[in-house]
Amino acid sequence: MIDNALCYTNHLCGFFFAATFQPTNQHLTHPAIASFMSLLVHQFEEYVIPGGAPIVINRIFYNNQKNYDRYPGNWNSIMIVNVSAYVFYLLAIFYPEWTWLGVATILFNFSQFLGHVIKMNIGMKTWYNPGMGSVVLIMTPISIWYLILEGQRHLLTGMTWLWGILAFVLIVALTVVLPVQGLKNPNSRYPIPKWQLEQFEKVWRFASLKR
């Protein structure tokens, strides 16, 4: 219950910030705010309603069939992965002129599409997994909208894409690879809560293509 309460509080604070922040350069900042809000919705779907995404990631994405309640990702590293991503999304809001950073966060959004819609569904043999709904209905459309707006303003130059791709690789390395690989421990003292496992099993039964 404490984990759920903290998750609710975290996302409510994020939504309050995004809804009340008044940027000076609105035409550049609003797409970045929308992208950040889509990330919050995505994480809410993954960890709260319906939840179960940490088990999907360990068991399906990392193909670990044994102690997937704590390896390779544990509750500690999962927290770091999710919160550390905020840094780059917020920087894209406060410094909208850094178009390359905005592109990097958008590429991060698109990577969620590949992970949830393709890899996880294939691995689970399902038509849905926790986080997929927000990716398809919110995150991806907002990302396409962002690129259209930036393209219309002729801001997506070759160098912007180059630095954006490099920044995307750096974001993945710092917010995903480093926490998970650096803190992985098959005997971790920070297991994923049993509630997440229960939600994973419910979602799997509900969305399974095998009947």
N, C-alpha and C. Protein backbone atom coordinates (compact mmCIF):
# COMPACT_ATOMS: atom_id res chain seq x y z
N MET A 1 0.82 -1.21 0.00
CA MET A 1 0.00 0.00 0.00
C MET A 1 0.85 1.26 0.00
N ILE A 2 1.98 1.22 0.74
CA ILE A 2 2.87 2.38 0.77
C ILE A 2 3.43 2.64 -0.61
N ASP A 3 3.84 1.57 -1.32
CA ASP A 3 4.38 1.74 -2.67
C ASP A 3 3.36 2.39 -3.58
N ASN A 4 2.10 1.95 -3.50
CA ASN A 4 1.05 2.52 -4.34
C ASN A 4 0.81 3.98 -3.98
N ALA A 5 0.81 4.30 -2.69
CA ALA A 5 0.58 5.68 -2.26
C ALA A 5 1.68 6.59 -2.78
N LEU A 6 2.92 6.13 -2.70
CA LEU A 6 4.04 6.93 -3.20
C LEU A 6 3.93 7.13 -4.70
N CYS A 7 3.50 6.10 -5.40
CA CYS A 7 3.36 6.20 -6.85
C CYS A 7 2.28 7.20 -7.22
N TYR A 8 1.14 7.14 -6.50
CA TYR A 8 0.07 8.11 -6.73
C TYR A 8 0.57 9.52 -6.49
N THR A 9 1.27 9.74 -5.38
CA THR A 9 1.76 11.07 -5.03
C THR A 9 2.74 11.58 -6.07
N ASN A 10 3.62 10.71 -6.50
CA ASN A 10 4.62 11.07 -7.50
C ASN A 10 3.97 11.57 -8.77
N HIS A 11 2.96 10.85 -9.25
CA HIS A 11 2.33 11.22 -10.50
C HIS A 11 1.42 12.44 -10.35
N LEU A 12 0.80 12.59 -9.22
CA LEU A 12 -0.02 13.78 -8.98
C LEU A 12 0.85 15.03 -8.97
N CYS A 13 2.02 14.96 -8.34
CA CYS A 13 2.94 16.10 -8.32
C CYS A 13 3.40 16.43 -9.73
N GLY A 14 3.71 15.40 -10.51
CA GLY A 14 4.14 15.62 -11.88
C GLY A 14 3.05 16.27 -12.72
N PHE A 15 1.82 15.80 -12.57
CA PHE A 15 0.71 16.38 -13.31
C PHE A 15 0.46 17.82 -12.88
N PHE A 16 0.58 18.10 -11.59
CA PHE A 16 0.36 19.47 -11.10
C PHE A 16 1.39 20.41 -11.70
N PHE A 17 2.64 19.98 -11.72
CA PHE A 17 3.68 20.81 -12.31
C PHE A 17 3.40 21.07 -13.79
N ALA A 18 3.11 19.99 -14.54
CA ALA A 18 2.91 20.12 -15.98
C ALA A 18 1.69 20.98 -16.30
N ALA A 19 0.66 20.90 -15.45
CA ALA A 19 -0.57 21.66 -15.71
C ALA A 19 -0.45 23.13 -15.35
N THR A 20 0.43 23.46 -14.40
CA THR A 20 0.50 24.84 -13.90
C THR A 20 1.72 25.60 -14.41
N PHE A 21 2.70 24.90 -14.97
CA PHE A 21 3.91 25.56 -15.44
C PHE A 21 3.58 26.51 -16.59
N GLN A 22 4.05 27.75 -16.49
CA GLN A 22 3.79 28.76 -17.51
C GLN A 22 5.09 29.08 -18.25
N PRO A 23 5.30 28.49 -19.41
CA PRO A 23 6.54 28.70 -20.14
C PRO A 23 6.56 30.05 -20.84
N THR A 24 7.74 30.56 -21.07
CA THR A 24 7.88 31.81 -21.81
C THR A 24 7.90 31.57 -23.32
N ASN A 25 8.32 30.39 -23.72
CA ASN A 25 8.40 30.04 -25.14
C ASN A 25 7.41 28.92 -25.40
N GLN A 26 6.12 29.27 -25.42
CA GLN A 26 5.07 28.27 -25.38
C GLN A 26 5.05 27.36 -26.59
N HIS A 27 5.31 27.88 -27.78
CA HIS A 27 5.19 27.06 -28.98
C HIS A 27 6.23 25.95 -29.01
N LEU A 28 7.33 26.12 -28.26
CA LEU A 28 8.32 25.07 -28.18
C LEU A 28 8.14 24.20 -26.93
N THR A 29 7.63 24.80 -25.85
CA THR A 29 7.56 24.11 -24.57
C THR A 29 6.34 23.22 -24.44
N HIS A 30 5.20 23.61 -24.99
CA HIS A 30 3.98 22.84 -24.83
C HIS A 30 4.12 21.38 -25.31
N PRO A 31 4.74 21.14 -26.47
CA PRO A 31 4.93 19.73 -26.87
C PRO A 31 5.79 18.95 -25.89
N ALA A 32 6.79 19.60 -25.30
CA ALA A 32 7.66 18.93 -24.34
C ALA A 32 6.89 18.62 -23.06
N ILE A 33 6.01 19.53 -22.63
CA ILE A 33 5.18 19.29 -21.46
C ILE A 33 4.24 18.11 -21.72
N ALA A 34 3.63 18.10 -22.90
CA ALA A 34 2.73 17.00 -23.26
C ALA A 34 3.47 15.67 -23.27
N SER A 35 4.71 15.69 -23.74
CA SER A 35 5.51 14.46 -23.78
C SER A 35 5.79 13.97 -22.36
N PHE A 36 6.12 14.90 -21.46
CA PHE A 36 6.38 14.54 -20.07
C PHE A 36 5.12 13.97 -19.42
N MET A 37 3.98 14.59 -19.68
CA MET A 37 2.72 14.10 -19.11
C MET A 37 2.39 12.70 -19.64
N SER A 38 2.71 12.46 -20.91
CA SER A 38 2.46 11.13 -21.47
C SER A 38 3.33 10.09 -20.78
N LEU A 39 4.55 10.48 -20.38
CA LEU A 39 5.42 9.56 -19.65
C LEU A 39 4.82 9.22 -18.29
N LEU A 40 4.24 10.22 -17.62
CA LEU A 40 3.61 9.99 -16.32
C LEU A 40 2.42 9.03 -16.45
N VAL A 41 1.61 9.25 -17.47
CA VAL A 41 0.46 8.36 -17.71
C VAL A 41 0.96 6.95 -17.99
N HIS A 42 2.01 6.86 -18.77
CA HIS A 42 2.58 5.56 -19.13
C HIS A 42 3.05 4.81 -17.89
N GLN A 43 3.77 5.49 -17.01
CA GLN A 43 4.26 4.85 -15.80
C GLN A 43 3.12 4.48 -14.86
N PHE A 44 2.09 5.30 -14.83
CA PHE A 44 0.91 5.00 -14.02
C PHE A 44 0.26 3.70 -14.49
N GLU A 45 0.18 3.53 -15.80
CA GLU A 45 -0.40 2.30 -16.34
C GLU A 45 0.50 1.10 -16.04
N GLU A 46 1.79 1.30 -16.09
CA GLU A 46 2.73 0.21 -15.86
C GLU A 46 2.72 -0.27 -14.40
N TYR A 47 2.62 0.67 -13.45
CA TYR A 47 2.85 0.33 -12.05
C TYR A 47 1.63 0.43 -11.14
N VAL A 48 0.56 1.05 -11.61
CA VAL A 48 -0.61 1.23 -10.75
C VAL A 48 -1.85 0.55 -11.34
N ILE A 49 -2.34 1.05 -12.44
CA ILE A 49 -3.54 0.49 -13.08
C ILE A 49 -3.22 0.19 -14.54
N PRO A 50 -3.10 -1.07 -14.94
CA PRO A 50 -3.31 -2.26 -14.09
C PRO A 50 -2.09 -2.68 -13.28
N GLY A 51 -0.89 -2.17 -13.65
CA GLY A 51 0.32 -2.61 -12.95
C GLY A 51 0.82 -3.94 -13.49
N GLY A 52 1.93 -4.39 -12.96
CA GLY A 52 2.51 -5.66 -13.38
C GLY A 52 3.66 -5.54 -14.34
N ALA A 53 3.96 -4.32 -14.80
CA ALA A 53 5.01 -4.14 -15.79
C ALA A 53 6.40 -4.61 -15.34
N PRO A 54 6.78 -4.43 -14.05
CA PRO A 54 8.12 -4.89 -13.66
C PRO A 54 8.35 -6.38 -13.91
N ILE A 55 7.31 -7.18 -13.71
CA ILE A 55 7.44 -8.61 -13.95
C ILE A 55 7.55 -8.88 -15.45
N VAL A 56 6.79 -8.13 -16.23
CA VAL A 56 6.87 -8.28 -17.69
C VAL A 56 8.29 -8.00 -18.16
N ILE A 57 8.86 -6.93 -17.64
CA ILE A 57 10.20 -6.52 -18.06
C ILE A 57 11.23 -7.58 -17.69
N ASN A 58 11.19 -8.06 -16.46
CA ASN A 58 12.18 -9.07 -16.05
C ASN A 58 11.97 -10.41 -16.74
N ARG A 59 10.73 -10.83 -16.80
CA ARG A 59 10.43 -12.18 -17.30
C ARG A 59 10.42 -12.26 -18.83
N ILE A 60 9.90 -11.22 -19.47
CA ILE A 60 9.76 -11.25 -20.93
C ILE A 60 10.87 -10.49 -21.63
N PHE A 61 11.06 -9.23 -21.23
CA PHE A 61 12.06 -8.40 -21.92
C PHE A 61 13.48 -8.93 -21.69
N TYR A 62 13.80 -9.27 -20.43
CA TYR A 62 15.13 -9.80 -20.12
C TYR A 62 15.19 -11.32 -20.14
N ASN A 63 14.05 -11.96 -20.43
CA ASN A 63 13.98 -13.41 -20.59
C ASN A 63 14.53 -14.17 -19.37
N ASN A 64 14.14 -13.69 -18.19
CA ASN A 64 14.55 -14.37 -16.96
C ASN A 64 13.35 -15.15 -16.42
N GLN A 65 13.45 -16.47 -16.35
CA GLN A 65 12.33 -17.31 -15.97
C GLN A 65 12.42 -17.84 -14.54
N LYS A 66 13.39 -17.39 -13.76
CA LYS A 66 13.55 -17.91 -12.41
C LYS A 66 13.14 -16.87 -11.36
N ASN A 67 14.10 -16.13 -10.84
CA ASN A 67 13.81 -15.16 -9.79
C ASN A 67 13.47 -13.79 -10.37
N TYR A 68 12.45 -13.79 -11.21
CA TYR A 68 12.09 -12.56 -11.92
C TYR A 68 11.39 -11.55 -11.01
N ASP A 69 11.21 -11.89 -9.75
CA ASP A 69 10.64 -10.91 -8.83
C ASP A 69 11.70 -9.94 -8.29
N ARG A 70 12.97 -10.17 -8.69
CA ARG A 70 14.05 -9.30 -8.20
C ARG A 70 15.27 -9.25 -9.11
N TYR A 71 15.21 -9.92 -10.27
CA TYR A 71 16.38 -9.99 -11.14
C TYR A 71 16.00 -10.05 -12.61
N PRO A 72 16.66 -9.27 -13.50
CA PRO A 72 17.75 -8.35 -13.16
C PRO A 72 17.28 -7.03 -12.51
N GLY A 73 16.03 -6.63 -12.79
CA GLY A 73 15.53 -5.42 -12.16
C GLY A 73 14.92 -5.71 -10.81
N ASN A 74 15.26 -4.92 -9.81
CA ASN A 74 14.64 -5.03 -8.49
C ASN A 74 13.90 -3.73 -8.19
N TRP A 75 13.19 -3.69 -7.07
CA TRP A 75 12.36 -2.53 -6.78
C TRP A 75 13.18 -1.25 -6.62
N ASN A 76 14.42 -1.39 -6.19
CA ASN A 76 15.31 -0.25 -6.03
C ASN A 76 15.73 0.31 -7.38
N SER A 77 16.23 -0.56 -8.25
CA SER A 77 16.69 -0.11 -9.57
C SER A 77 15.53 0.38 -10.43
N ILE A 78 14.36 -0.23 -10.26
CA ILE A 78 13.18 0.18 -11.01
C ILE A 78 12.80 1.62 -10.65
N MET A 79 12.88 1.96 -9.36
CA MET A 79 12.59 3.32 -8.93
C MET A 79 13.56 4.31 -9.57
N ILE A 80 14.84 3.95 -9.59
CA ILE A 80 15.85 4.83 -10.17
C ILE A 80 15.62 5.00 -11.66
N VAL A 81 15.30 3.91 -12.36
CA VAL A 81 15.04 3.97 -13.80
C VAL A 81 13.93 4.96 -14.10
N ASN A 82 12.83 4.86 -13.37
CA ASN A 82 11.66 5.68 -13.68
C ASN A 82 11.86 7.15 -13.30
N VAL A 83 12.45 7.41 -12.14
CA VAL A 83 12.61 8.79 -11.69
C VAL A 83 13.73 9.50 -12.46
N SER A 84 14.81 8.81 -12.78
CA SER A 84 15.93 9.45 -13.47
C SER A 84 15.54 9.94 -14.85
N ALA A 85 14.57 9.29 -15.47
CA ALA A 85 14.12 9.74 -16.80
C ALA A 85 13.51 11.13 -16.74
N TYR A 86 12.94 11.50 -15.58
CA TYR A 86 12.31 12.81 -15.44
C TYR A 86 13.31 13.94 -15.70
N VAL A 87 14.57 13.72 -15.33
CA VAL A 87 15.58 14.77 -15.47
C VAL A 87 15.64 15.27 -16.91
N PHE A 88 15.67 14.36 -17.86
CA PHE A 88 15.84 14.73 -19.26
C PHE A 88 14.56 15.33 -19.84
N TYR A 89 13.41 14.80 -19.43
CA TYR A 89 12.14 15.35 -19.90
C TYR A 89 11.94 16.77 -19.35
N LEU A 90 12.34 16.99 -18.11
CA LEU A 90 12.20 18.33 -17.51
C LEU A 90 13.18 19.31 -18.13
N LEU A 91 14.39 18.85 -18.43
CA LEU A 91 15.35 19.72 -19.10
C LEU A 91 14.83 20.15 -20.47
N ALA A 92 14.14 19.23 -21.16
CA ALA A 92 13.57 19.56 -22.47
C ALA A 92 12.47 20.61 -22.34
N ILE A 93 11.81 20.66 -21.17
CA ILE A 93 10.77 21.66 -20.92
C ILE A 93 11.40 23.01 -20.60
N PHE A 94 12.39 23.02 -19.71
CA PHE A 94 13.00 24.27 -19.28
C PHE A 94 13.93 24.88 -20.33
N TYR A 95 14.46 24.03 -21.23
CA TYR A 95 15.34 24.52 -22.29
C TYR A 95 14.82 24.05 -23.64
N PRO A 96 13.66 24.57 -24.06
CA PRO A 96 13.04 24.11 -25.30
C PRO A 96 13.87 24.41 -26.55
N GLU A 97 14.81 25.36 -26.43
CA GLU A 97 15.67 25.65 -27.57
C GLU A 97 16.66 24.53 -27.84
N TRP A 98 16.83 23.62 -26.87
CA TRP A 98 17.67 22.45 -27.09
C TRP A 98 16.84 21.41 -27.84
N THR A 99 16.60 21.65 -29.08
CA THR A 99 15.74 20.78 -29.88
C THR A 99 16.28 19.35 -29.92
N TRP A 100 17.58 19.22 -29.92
CA TRP A 100 18.20 17.89 -29.95
C TRP A 100 17.79 17.06 -28.73
N LEU A 101 17.62 17.73 -27.57
CA LEU A 101 17.19 17.00 -26.37
C LEU A 101 15.73 16.59 -26.48
N GLY A 102 14.91 17.48 -27.06
CA GLY A 102 13.52 17.13 -27.30
C GLY A 102 13.42 15.92 -28.21
N VAL A 103 14.24 15.89 -29.25
CA VAL A 103 14.27 14.75 -30.18
C VAL A 103 14.69 13.48 -29.44
N ALA A 104 15.64 13.60 -28.53
CA ALA A 104 16.11 12.44 -27.77
C ALA A 104 14.99 11.84 -26.93
N THR A 105 14.20 12.71 -26.27
CA THR A 105 13.09 12.20 -25.46
C THR A 105 12.00 11.59 -26.33
N ILE A 106 11.82 12.14 -27.52
CA ILE A 106 10.83 11.58 -28.45
C ILE A 106 11.28 10.20 -28.93
N LEU A 107 12.56 10.05 -29.20
CA LEU A 107 13.08 8.73 -29.58
C LEU A 107 12.91 7.74 -28.43
N PHE A 108 13.06 8.23 -27.21
CA PHE A 108 12.81 7.39 -26.03
C PHE A 108 11.36 6.94 -26.01
N ASN A 109 10.45 7.86 -26.35
CA ASN A 109 9.03 7.51 -26.42
C ASN A 109 8.78 6.42 -27.46
N PHE A 110 9.40 6.59 -28.64
CA PHE A 110 9.20 5.61 -29.71
C PHE A 110 9.78 4.24 -29.31
N SER A 111 10.85 4.25 -28.51
CA SER A 111 11.41 2.97 -28.07
C SER A 111 10.42 2.21 -27.19
N GLN A 112 9.55 2.96 -26.50
CA GLN A 112 8.51 2.32 -25.70
C GLN A 112 7.50 1.59 -26.60
N PHE A 113 7.25 2.17 -27.76
CA PHE A 113 6.34 1.52 -28.73
C PHE A 113 6.92 0.18 -29.17
N LEU A 114 8.20 0.18 -29.51
CA LEU A 114 8.85 -1.06 -29.95
C LEU A 114 8.83 -2.10 -28.83
N GLY A 115 9.10 -1.64 -27.60
CA GLY A 115 9.16 -2.57 -26.48
C GLY A 115 7.81 -3.14 -26.12
N HIS A 116 6.80 -2.28 -26.00
CA HIS A 116 5.49 -2.73 -25.52
C HIS A 116 4.64 -3.37 -26.62
N VAL A 117 4.58 -2.73 -27.76
CA VAL A 117 3.67 -3.22 -28.81
C VAL A 117 4.23 -4.45 -29.52
N ILE A 118 5.55 -4.51 -29.67
CA ILE A 118 6.14 -5.61 -30.44
C ILE A 118 6.78 -6.66 -29.53
N LYS A 119 7.89 -6.31 -28.88
CA LYS A 119 8.67 -7.31 -28.15
C LYS A 119 7.89 -7.96 -27.02
N MET A 120 7.25 -7.17 -26.18
CA MET A 120 6.56 -7.75 -25.02
C MET A 120 5.33 -8.54 -25.43
N ASN A 121 4.59 -8.07 -26.39
CA ASN A 121 3.41 -8.80 -26.85
C ASN A 121 3.79 -10.13 -27.49
N ILE A 122 4.87 -10.10 -28.26
CA ILE A 122 5.33 -11.34 -28.87
C ILE A 122 5.80 -12.32 -27.80
N GLY A 123 6.57 -11.81 -26.84
CA GLY A 123 7.08 -12.66 -25.78
C GLY A 123 6.00 -13.23 -24.89
N MET A 124 4.96 -12.43 -24.61
CA MET A 124 3.87 -12.88 -23.75
C MET A 124 2.78 -13.62 -24.52
N LYS A 125 2.81 -13.46 -25.86
CA LYS A 125 1.74 -13.99 -26.72
C LYS A 125 0.40 -13.40 -26.30
N THR A 126 0.39 -12.06 -26.22
CA THR A 126 -0.79 -11.32 -25.81
C THR A 126 -1.06 -10.19 -26.79
N TRP A 127 -2.24 -9.59 -26.66
CA TRP A 127 -2.57 -8.43 -27.47
C TRP A 127 -2.46 -7.15 -26.65
N TYR A 128 -2.09 -7.30 -25.37
CA TYR A 128 -1.93 -6.14 -24.49
C TYR A 128 -0.95 -6.47 -23.37
N ASN A 129 -0.24 -5.45 -22.90
CA ASN A 129 0.60 -5.57 -21.71
C ASN A 129 0.59 -4.22 -20.99
N PRO A 130 0.91 -4.20 -19.68
CA PRO A 130 0.84 -2.96 -18.91
C PRO A 130 1.76 -1.86 -19.47
N GLY A 131 1.17 -0.78 -19.89
CA GLY A 131 1.92 0.32 -20.48
C GLY A 131 1.66 0.51 -21.96
N MET A 132 1.11 -0.52 -22.60
CA MET A 132 0.90 -0.48 -24.04
C MET A 132 -0.20 0.52 -24.43
N GLY A 133 -1.26 0.59 -23.64
CA GLY A 133 -2.37 1.46 -23.99
C GLY A 133 -1.95 2.91 -24.08
N SER A 134 -1.20 3.38 -23.09
CA SER A 134 -0.75 4.77 -23.10
C SER A 134 0.27 5.03 -24.20
N VAL A 135 1.06 4.02 -24.54
CA VAL A 135 2.03 4.18 -25.63
C VAL A 135 1.31 4.41 -26.95
N VAL A 136 0.31 3.58 -27.21
CA VAL A 136 -0.40 3.64 -28.51
C VAL A 136 -1.31 4.86 -28.60
N LEU A 137 -2.05 5.14 -27.53
CA LEU A 137 -3.08 6.17 -27.57
C LEU A 137 -2.60 7.57 -27.21
N ILE A 138 -1.52 7.68 -26.43
CA ILE A 138 -1.09 8.99 -25.96
C ILE A 138 0.35 9.31 -26.35
N MET A 139 1.27 8.47 -25.93
CA MET A 139 2.69 8.78 -26.10
C MET A 139 3.11 8.89 -27.56
N THR A 140 2.71 7.93 -28.38
CA THR A 140 3.11 7.95 -29.79
C THR A 140 2.47 9.10 -30.56
N PRO A 141 1.15 9.35 -30.42
CA PRO A 141 0.57 10.51 -31.11
C PRO A 141 1.21 11.84 -30.72
N ILE A 142 1.50 12.01 -29.43
CA ILE A 142 2.14 13.25 -28.97
C ILE A 142 3.53 13.36 -29.57
N SER A 143 4.25 12.26 -29.66
CA SER A 143 5.59 12.28 -30.23
C SER A 143 5.56 12.66 -31.71
N ILE A 144 4.59 12.11 -32.43
CA ILE A 144 4.45 12.46 -33.86
C ILE A 144 4.09 13.94 -33.99
N TRP A 145 3.19 14.42 -33.13
CA TRP A 145 2.81 15.84 -33.13
C TRP A 145 4.03 16.72 -32.88
N TYR A 146 4.88 16.32 -31.94
CA TYR A 146 6.08 17.08 -31.62
C TYR A 146 6.98 17.20 -32.86
N LEU A 147 7.21 16.08 -33.52
CA LEU A 147 8.09 16.10 -34.69
C LEU A 147 7.50 16.92 -35.83
N ILE A 148 6.19 16.87 -36.01
CA ILE A 148 5.53 17.68 -37.05
C ILE A 148 5.72 19.16 -36.76
N LEU A 149 5.49 19.57 -35.51
CA LEU A 149 5.64 20.98 -35.14
C LEU A 149 7.08 21.45 -35.34
N GLU A 150 8.04 20.66 -34.88
CA GLU A 150 9.44 21.05 -35.02
C GLU A 150 9.87 21.05 -36.49
N GLY A 151 9.32 20.13 -37.27
CA GLY A 151 9.62 20.10 -38.69
C GLY A 151 9.08 21.31 -39.41
N GLN A 152 7.88 21.74 -39.05
CA GLN A 152 7.28 22.93 -39.66
C GLN A 152 8.08 24.19 -39.36
N ARG A 153 8.79 24.19 -38.24
CA ARG A 153 9.61 25.34 -37.87
C ARG A 153 11.05 25.18 -38.35
N HIS A 154 11.28 24.14 -39.14
CA HIS A 154 12.60 23.88 -39.75
C HIS A 154 13.70 23.74 -38.70
N LEU A 155 13.36 23.09 -37.59
CA LEU A 155 14.32 22.90 -36.51
C LEU A 155 14.96 21.52 -36.53
N LEU A 156 14.44 20.63 -37.36
CA LEU A 156 14.96 19.26 -37.39
C LEU A 156 16.03 19.13 -38.46
N THR A 157 17.19 19.70 -38.20
CA THR A 157 18.30 19.63 -39.13
C THR A 157 19.05 18.31 -38.96
N GLY A 158 20.00 18.06 -39.85
CA GLY A 158 20.80 16.85 -39.75
C GLY A 158 21.56 16.79 -38.44
N MET A 159 22.11 17.92 -38.01
CA MET A 159 22.86 17.96 -36.76
C MET A 159 21.93 17.75 -35.56
N THR A 160 20.71 18.28 -35.67
CA THR A 160 19.74 18.06 -34.59
C THR A 160 19.46 16.58 -34.41
N TRP A 161 19.26 15.89 -35.53
CA TRP A 161 19.00 14.45 -35.46
C TRP A 161 20.22 13.70 -34.92
N LEU A 162 21.42 14.12 -35.36
CA LEU A 162 22.64 13.44 -34.91
C LEU A 162 22.80 13.58 -33.40
N TRP A 163 22.71 14.81 -32.89
CA TRP A 163 22.85 15.02 -31.46
C TRP A 163 21.68 14.40 -30.69
N GLY A 164 20.52 14.40 -31.31
CA GLY A 164 19.36 13.78 -30.67
C GLY A 164 19.54 12.28 -30.50
N ILE A 165 20.07 11.62 -31.52
CA ILE A 165 20.30 10.18 -31.45
C ILE A 165 21.37 9.86 -30.41
N LEU A 166 22.44 10.65 -30.40
CA LEU A 166 23.50 10.45 -29.42
C LEU A 166 22.98 10.67 -27.99
N ALA A 167 22.15 11.70 -27.83
CA ALA A 167 21.57 11.98 -26.51
C ALA A 167 20.62 10.86 -26.09
N PHE A 168 19.88 10.32 -27.05
CA PHE A 168 18.97 9.20 -26.76
C PHE A 168 19.76 8.00 -26.24
N VAL A 169 20.86 7.69 -26.90
CA VAL A 169 21.71 6.57 -26.46
C VAL A 169 22.22 6.83 -25.05
N LEU A 170 22.61 8.07 -24.78
CA LEU A 170 23.10 8.43 -23.45
C LEU A 170 22.00 8.30 -22.41
N ILE A 171 20.79 8.74 -22.75
CA ILE A 171 19.66 8.63 -21.82
C ILE A 171 19.38 7.18 -21.46
N VAL A 172 19.35 6.33 -22.47
CA VAL A 172 19.10 4.89 -22.23
C VAL A 172 20.21 4.31 -21.35
N ALA A 173 21.46 4.70 -21.64
CA ALA A 173 22.58 4.17 -20.87
C ALA A 173 22.51 4.60 -19.41
N LEU A 174 22.16 5.88 -19.17
CA LEU A 174 22.16 6.41 -17.81
C LEU A 174 20.92 6.03 -17.01
N THR A 175 19.76 5.97 -17.67
CA THR A 175 18.51 5.77 -16.94
C THR A 175 18.00 4.33 -16.97
N VAL A 176 18.53 3.51 -17.84
CA VAL A 176 18.06 2.11 -17.93
C VAL A 176 19.20 1.12 -17.70
N VAL A 177 20.19 1.17 -18.57
CA VAL A 177 21.27 0.17 -18.52
C VAL A 177 22.05 0.27 -17.21
N LEU A 178 22.50 1.47 -16.86
CA LEU A 178 23.34 1.63 -15.68
C LEU A 178 22.64 1.22 -14.38
N PRO A 179 21.41 1.68 -14.11
CA PRO A 179 20.75 1.26 -12.86
C PRO A 179 20.47 -0.24 -12.80
N VAL A 180 19.96 -0.79 -13.90
CA VAL A 180 19.59 -2.21 -13.89
C VAL A 180 20.82 -3.10 -13.79
N GLN A 181 21.81 -2.82 -14.64
CA GLN A 181 23.00 -3.67 -14.64
C GLN A 181 23.88 -3.43 -13.41
N GLY A 182 23.91 -2.17 -12.95
CA GLY A 182 24.76 -1.85 -11.81
C GLY A 182 24.22 -2.36 -10.49
N LEU A 183 22.90 -2.50 -10.39
CA LEU A 183 22.28 -2.91 -9.13
C LEU A 183 21.67 -4.31 -9.18
N LYS A 184 21.87 -5.02 -10.28
CA LYS A 184 21.27 -6.35 -10.37
C LYS A 184 21.94 -7.31 -9.39
N ASN A 185 21.10 -8.10 -8.77
CA ASN A 185 21.56 -9.06 -7.77
C ASN A 185 20.49 -10.12 -7.61
N PRO A 186 20.80 -11.37 -7.93
CA PRO A 186 19.79 -12.43 -7.83
C PRO A 186 19.26 -12.63 -6.41
N ASN A 187 20.00 -12.09 -5.43
CA ASN A 187 19.57 -12.20 -4.03
C ASN A 187 19.23 -10.82 -3.46
N SER A 188 18.76 -9.95 -4.31
CA SER A 188 18.47 -8.58 -3.90
C SER A 188 17.50 -8.52 -2.72
N ARG A 189 17.74 -7.55 -1.82
CA ARG A 189 16.85 -7.35 -0.68
C ARG A 189 15.65 -6.48 -1.05
N TYR A 190 15.56 -6.13 -2.33
CA TYR A 190 14.48 -5.26 -2.77
C TYR A 190 13.63 -5.93 -3.85
N PRO A 191 12.88 -6.97 -3.47
CA PRO A 191 12.05 -7.66 -4.47
C PRO A 191 10.89 -6.80 -4.93
N ILE A 192 10.41 -7.10 -6.10
CA ILE A 192 9.21 -6.44 -6.62
C ILE A 192 8.02 -6.90 -5.78
N PRO A 193 7.15 -5.99 -5.34
CA PRO A 193 6.02 -6.38 -4.49
C PRO A 193 5.16 -7.49 -5.11
N LYS A 194 4.64 -8.37 -4.27
CA LYS A 194 3.82 -9.47 -4.75
C LYS A 194 2.59 -8.97 -5.50
N TRP A 195 2.11 -7.79 -5.13
CA TRP A 195 0.95 -7.22 -5.82
C TRP A 195 1.21 -7.06 -7.32
N GLN A 196 2.45 -6.68 -7.66
CA GLN A 196 2.81 -6.53 -9.07
C GLN A 196 2.76 -7.87 -9.79
N LEU A 197 3.20 -8.92 -9.12
CA LEU A 197 3.15 -10.26 -9.71
C LEU A 197 1.70 -10.69 -9.92
N GLU A 198 0.85 -10.41 -8.96
CA GLU A 198 -0.56 -10.75 -9.09
C GLU A 198 -1.20 -10.01 -10.25
N GLN A 199 -0.86 -8.73 -10.41
CA GLN A 199 -1.42 -7.96 -11.52
C GLN A 199 -0.89 -8.45 -12.86
N PHE A 200 0.37 -8.84 -12.88
CA PHE A 200 0.95 -9.40 -14.11
C PHE A 200 0.19 -10.64 -14.55
N GLU A 201 -0.09 -11.53 -13.61
CA GLU A 201 -0.80 -12.76 -13.94
C GLU A 201 -2.23 -12.47 -14.40
N LYS A 202 -2.87 -11.47 -13.79
CA LYS A 202 -4.23 -11.11 -14.20
C LYS A 202 -4.24 -10.57 -15.63
N VAL A 203 -3.29 -9.69 -15.92
CA VAL A 203 -3.21 -9.11 -17.26
C VAL A 203 -2.90 -10.19 -18.28
N TRP A 204 -1.98 -11.09 -17.94
CA TRP A 204 -1.61 -12.15 -18.87
C TRP A 204 -2.81 -13.04 -19.20
N ARG A 205 -3.57 -13.40 -18.18
CA ARG A 205 -4.76 -14.23 -18.43
C ARG A 205 -5.79 -13.47 -19.26
N PHE A 206 -5.95 -12.20 -18.99
CA PHE A 206 -6.94 -11.39 -19.68
C PHE A 206 -6.58 -11.18 -21.15
N ALA A 207 -5.29 -10.92 -21.43
CA ALA A 207 -4.89 -10.54 -22.79
C ALA A 207 -4.25 -11.66 -23.59
N SER A 208 -4.21 -12.87 -23.03
CA SER A 208 -3.55 -13.97 -23.71
C SER A 208 -4.24 -14.31 -25.03
N LEU A 209 -3.44 -14.59 -26.03
CA LEU A 209 -3.97 -15.01 -27.33
C LEU A 209 -4.23 -16.51 -27.36
N LYS A 210 -3.80 -17.20 -26.31
CA LYS A 210 -4.04 -18.64 -26.22
C LYS A 210 -5.27 -18.89 -25.37
N ARG A 211 -6.28 -19.43 -25.94
CA ARG A 211 -7.54 -19.70 -25.22
C ARG A 211 -7.83 -21.19 -25.21
